[in-house]
Amino acid sequence: MHAVQLGLRSDLQFYWGTAALSALLDNTPPYLTFLVGALGLQGLSMDNAAPMSEFIARHDHYLVAISPVSGH
C-alpha cells in the first residue's frame, strides 16, 4: 500500500528499486518488500494468500520486474 507513497508505479521503478536494495542487502528482503508494494498497488495484502494466484495471473509483469534482480 505504500508503493505509491514511495513513487513506485511502473515495472521499471520496481526493477531498479529492487536492484538498488539487493545490492546492499541479501536478496530476500528486497524481493518481499517490492512484492508487498506491488500487492498494495492492487489493494491486496500478504495477510491473505487467497488472491495471490489471481495477482500472479493478472499482474505477473511485477514479478518479472522484481524476480531477476533479486535472484529469485
Protein backbone atom coordinates (compact mmCIF):
# COMPACT_ATOMS: atom_id res chain seq x y z
CA MET A 1 0.00 0.00 0.00
CA HIS A 2 2.99 2.29 0.41
CA ALA A 3 4.33 1.81 -3.10
CA VAL A 4 2.54 4.91 -4.36
CA GLN A 5 3.87 6.93 -1.44
CA LEU A 6 7.38 5.81 -2.39
CA GLY A 7 6.79 6.79 -6.02
CA LEU A 8 6.68 3.21 -7.29
CA ARG A 9 4.17 2.88 -10.10
CA SER A 10 5.90 1.26 -13.05
CA ASP A 11 7.65 -2.04 -13.65
CA LEU A 12 10.88 -0.16 -14.30
CA GLN A 13 10.69 1.56 -10.93
CA PHE A 14 10.13 -1.81 -9.23
CA TYR A 15 13.06 -3.30 -11.18
CA TRP A 16 15.57 -0.59 -10.24
CA GLY A 17 14.29 -0.28 -6.69
CA THR A 18 14.77 -3.99 -6.15
CA ALA A 19 18.21 -3.84 -7.78
CA ALA A 20 19.31 -1.00 -5.52
CA LEU A 21 18.24 -2.75 -2.33
CA SER A 22 19.57 -6.13 -3.47
CA ALA A 23 22.98 -4.55 -3.99
CA LEU A 24 23.03 -3.58 -0.32
CA LEU A 25 21.09 -6.41 1.32
CA ASP A 26 20.51 -10.11 0.96
CA ASN A 27 18.07 -10.77 -1.90
CA THR A 28 15.05 -11.89 0.14
CA PRO A 29 14.22 -8.62 1.96
CA PRO A 30 14.12 -6.53 -1.24
CA TYR A 31 12.09 -9.20 -3.04
CA LEU A 32 9.48 -9.31 -0.28
CA THR A 33 9.49 -5.53 0.11
CA PHE A 34 8.73 -4.93 -3.55
CA LEU A 35 6.31 -7.87 -3.78
CA VAL A 36 4.31 -6.36 -0.90
CA GLY A 37 4.47 -2.99 -2.66
CA ALA A 38 3.13 -4.48 -5.89
CA LEU A 39 0.36 -6.24 -3.98
CA GLY A 40 -0.52 -2.97 -2.28
CA LEU A 41 -0.92 -1.22 -5.63
CA GLN A 42 -3.69 -3.71 -6.35
CA GLY A 43 -5.28 -3.33 -2.91
CA LEU A 44 -4.03 -6.73 -1.79
CA SER A 45 -2.05 -7.83 1.25
CA MET A 46 0.39 -10.58 2.19
CA ASP A 47 -2.01 -11.36 5.03
CA ASN A 48 -4.42 -13.00 2.59
CA ALA A 49 -2.90 -15.63 0.32
CA ALA A 50 -6.16 -16.47 -1.45
CA PRO A 51 -5.94 -13.79 -4.19
CA MET A 52 -2.24 -14.49 -4.86
CA SER A 53 -2.87 -16.73 -7.90
CA GLU A 54 -5.13 -14.06 -9.40
CA PHE A 55 -2.46 -11.44 -8.76
CA ILE A 56 0.14 -13.62 -10.47
CA ALA A 57 -2.14 -14.24 -13.45
CA ARG A 58 -3.11 -10.59 -13.93
CA HIS A 59 -0.01 -8.75 -12.78
CA ASP A 60 2.88 -11.09 -13.50
CA HIS A 61 4.79 -8.16 -15.00
CA TYR A 62 5.61 -7.04 -11.44
CA LEU A 63 7.14 -10.43 -10.70
CA VAL A 64 9.10 -10.30 -13.95
CA ALA A 65 10.47 -6.89 -12.90
CA ILE A 66 11.30 -7.94 -9.33
CA SER A 67 12.49 -11.54 -9.61
CA PRO A 68 15.56 -11.43 -11.89
CA VAL A 69 17.16 -8.61 -9.96
CA SER A 70 16.72 -10.20 -6.55
CA GLY A 71 17.96 -13.60 -7.68
CA HIS A 72 14.63 -15.45 -7.38
